[in-house]
Amino acid sequence: MKILIAAGGTGGHFYPGLAVARELLLRQDSVFFIIKKGDYVRPLLDRENIPYFAISAGGFKRSLHPANILVVLKLIFGFFESLRLLIKIKPNRLLVMGGYLSVPPALAARCLKIPVFLHEQNAIPGLANRCLSWLAAKVAVSFPSSKDVFGKKAVVTGNPIRKEFLSLPNPSDARKRWGLVPGNLTFLVFGGSLGAHRVNQLVIESLEKLTSFVDQFQFIHITGPSDVAWAQSHYKSNGFHAYVDSYCHDMPSAYAASDFVIARAGASTVSEIMVVKKPALFIPYPLATGGHQTANARYLADQGLAVIYEQKNLAGGEFVGILKNLMEFPAQWQSWWGKNPQMEINPAKSASMIADLVRESVA
């Protein structure tokens, strides 16, 4: 079977698509990608030896802005580029992973009567998938709360994660790899691919009030490019063992080395934590569309597997108190995942489920 996947622009859309692509390739299917022009994912696809094609695409600003005129033109160009591409490749199926990149190829596939499948990463569906759901054969959703939006077309699959997260290295070996103390409890702190400045601030500005814990606790902190030097200097001046970098190329090893995660709540992060089973403190990005990061995090928080703190409520010394509580009473959170929760979704199986869904016959 020949399957075309539209995924790119952000890691949250691309990496789930890549996980499905790998599963399809194992089944001897032919897989192609549609990405946007200039997309950063090109070398990743080259490394995977997966052919790809670039189209014009752009996202709308959430206001009446002159730049939206250019976005409309890009979508029109993208539609005709997609139409030519689909006629050339003649795929049996199109899988779109959400975001503005999904719109041109989905509309072109509809015109050519090629079955379209959507995947929605977040607990609160994005605008593109909401608008495109009318033309989809099925919609794979990552969280049960999304089912009502898409009705009978919705199938709960979870959000696919890469196979590297399914078998983590030994924690002690992973800590040595990061230059950390093997026996110390370790906090993993990160935002998105560009970091999260406010999360960085909350942690870094708390360090000087947590120095009584320097011999017990340590950090892996992925800051994004803007804050790395500032963060490194503060960990050093306050005496904490820490590995600090702008970007992490080996998140499975970072998870393996950690005992507790402090992070934003993108769908991929939440899905990874479901698989690696690490207790987490989520600080959802407050400007995420529709509050979808808070909704993502709530799936774990409602089961007692994570805690959520809204960024606006963490001013002043309040975050210091939260970290002190985590450090003074680790038994409270170390036992969270020992409850063996029964979750409706398992991201470890999501890529396989979506591959099954896409490959099934369509009436």
Foldseek 3Di string as FASTA:
>chain_A
DEEEEEAFPFPLGPQLVVQLVVVVVVVVYQYEYEYAPPTPCVVVCVVVVHHYDHAFADDDDPDPDPVVVVRVVRLVRRLVVLLVVCVVRVGQEYEYEDDRSPPNNLVSCLVVVRAYEYEALFLDGDPRCLVSLVRHLAYEYADPSCQVSNDPRYDDQHRAHHPLLQDFDAQQVLCVVLVHDSQAAEEEEFEGQQTDVLSLCLVLVLLLVVLVCQVHYAYEYQHGDPCQVVSVVSCVVSNHHYRYYPGDPRVSSVLNNHQEYEYEQGSRVLLSCLNSVHEYEHAHDPPPPPSRSVVRVVLCVVLVRYHYDYSVPSPDCNSSVVVVVCSVCVVSNSCRCVVVDDDPYHNPCSSVVVSVVRPDDGD
